[in-house]
Amino acid sequence: MFSSEQTQNECGPVYIREKGILRSVNEPVFAKEAWSFRTTKPSRLFRREFSVELCVEDRVQAGTHTKRKEHFVFTYNKEGSLRYSVKSLFNISLLFIAENVQYIDSLLGFPEQMAERLFRAAEAKQKFSDTDYGQRALQVFSEAYGDLVLKSLCLRNRFLLVSEKLEEIKVFQCLQCLDLFGCKLGDDHELLQHLTSETLSSLVQLSLGDNHLSNRGIQKLTAPVRVMKKGLENLQLLDLSWNPISEQVVGYLSCFPNLRGLDISETNMELTTSLCQTLQKKLGFVCSEALLQDFCHGHCKTLGWAEQIVDQWEIHMSELSKPKKNNAEPRKEALRFYGRHKAIQETQGTSSTMMLDKGCSKRIQFCKPAHNNQIQASGNASGLTESPSQKKRKWMLDSKTDGSNDSAPPAKRVASKSLTVEDWDLLNSY
């Protein structure tokens, strides 16, 4: 029947029932194979050093054959084995929103704790550095959270950063401290007009030292405040040192009602009796015998969620401003050959020492007397408990629910009697 080996191999196992028992006809052959399979050592599917990496294919990027791994968390246990776990739905949603942060319309009413985590996730993906929608993404966060995004901004001697990132800097709202010392703005810079806008009405400390500002620049800066009574109404400290200004600017500064400190060191003003009388009469200031610590550079630092973004801008600008080695060496050799290298070193050395010695030679600072300062501090104590950005968010949320306040007539503005022809020309230029 099925006794031949060829028939057995072709047909495979053949079973027959004999006396109610199922028996295989070619049992000895398959028994040997089964026994040999048990005795031989099973072969490994992978080698011992083989490792596997799990990836999830993104449908959007499937055409580019790229993989996404961010939905898994890979860890090693104590034995050294690789373990992985799936991220939570919250983290997956957070990463998705951070990836598409440019499509967010508004974050008003969104919890601040969740918004900070979303800001960090978008920053890790470098969404704010994108040239197309980075400014829009910053504006969404700044409109909703104000001083939480950036409360204090220090741009001291960073004139390249100011010129290249001006639109991004103007996005930050509710700044309380702004240091623009040594930014070479001049009288007609666009940033001066932005300082008197409603977005910077919460500014408390402003440093405009060493910016080549003249009397015309200060007049242009204060024109909206003096005439329209808006902008910089909360300003308390103003630094105008190292600018070619004269005693005429004292009349322009009288529009700041909360101003309690003024630095006019290294200007065209001399510490005379007439200057002290003018400041005492118009601003209620007295000359400070000791140096005011409020004007120290360490009091203004970049603080907020966007602190790392400003640092990234500075690093990027410093890399762009570095001269190439191939072009620097021939110029250096040529200056040394013509004998100008020593002269340039001397001028650079004098300028650097001059910058270091700023604030040590001719310091002129004015402040309000102690009793007036205490009264003003007690009056502003309630305003510091709630930040201007929180007031703005609260007002914007209330305006959505209740629109009855819009029907109230605006307060009548009293026209200023101290306007000159130059002031009206400045107003017409806006």
Foldseek 3Di string as FASTA:
>chain_A
DQPDPVSCVVVPWDWDADPNDIDTPPVVVVVVVVVVVVPDDDDDPDDPPDDDDDWDDDPVCVVVVDTHDVQKDWDADPVGDIDIDGDDPVVVVLLVCLVVLLPDDACQPPDPVSVLVSLVSVVVVVCLVDPPRNLVSLLRCCLRQACQAWAFDECALVLVLCVVCVSSVLSRFQHAYYACANNQQEQDHPVLVSQQDQRNLNHAEYEDEPNQYELNSLLLSLLCCQFVVGGPQNYAEYEHENYAYELVSLVSVLSRLNHFKYWHWHYPYDPDPVSQVSCCVRPVKHWDPDDDPCPDPVVTDIDHSCNVVVVVSVVVVVVVPDDDPVVPVVVCVVCVVVVNNVVVVVVVVVVVVVVVCPPPDTITMIGHDPVVVVVSCVVCPVVVVARPSNVSSVVVVVCVVDVPVVPDDDDDDDGDPPDDPVSVVSVVVD
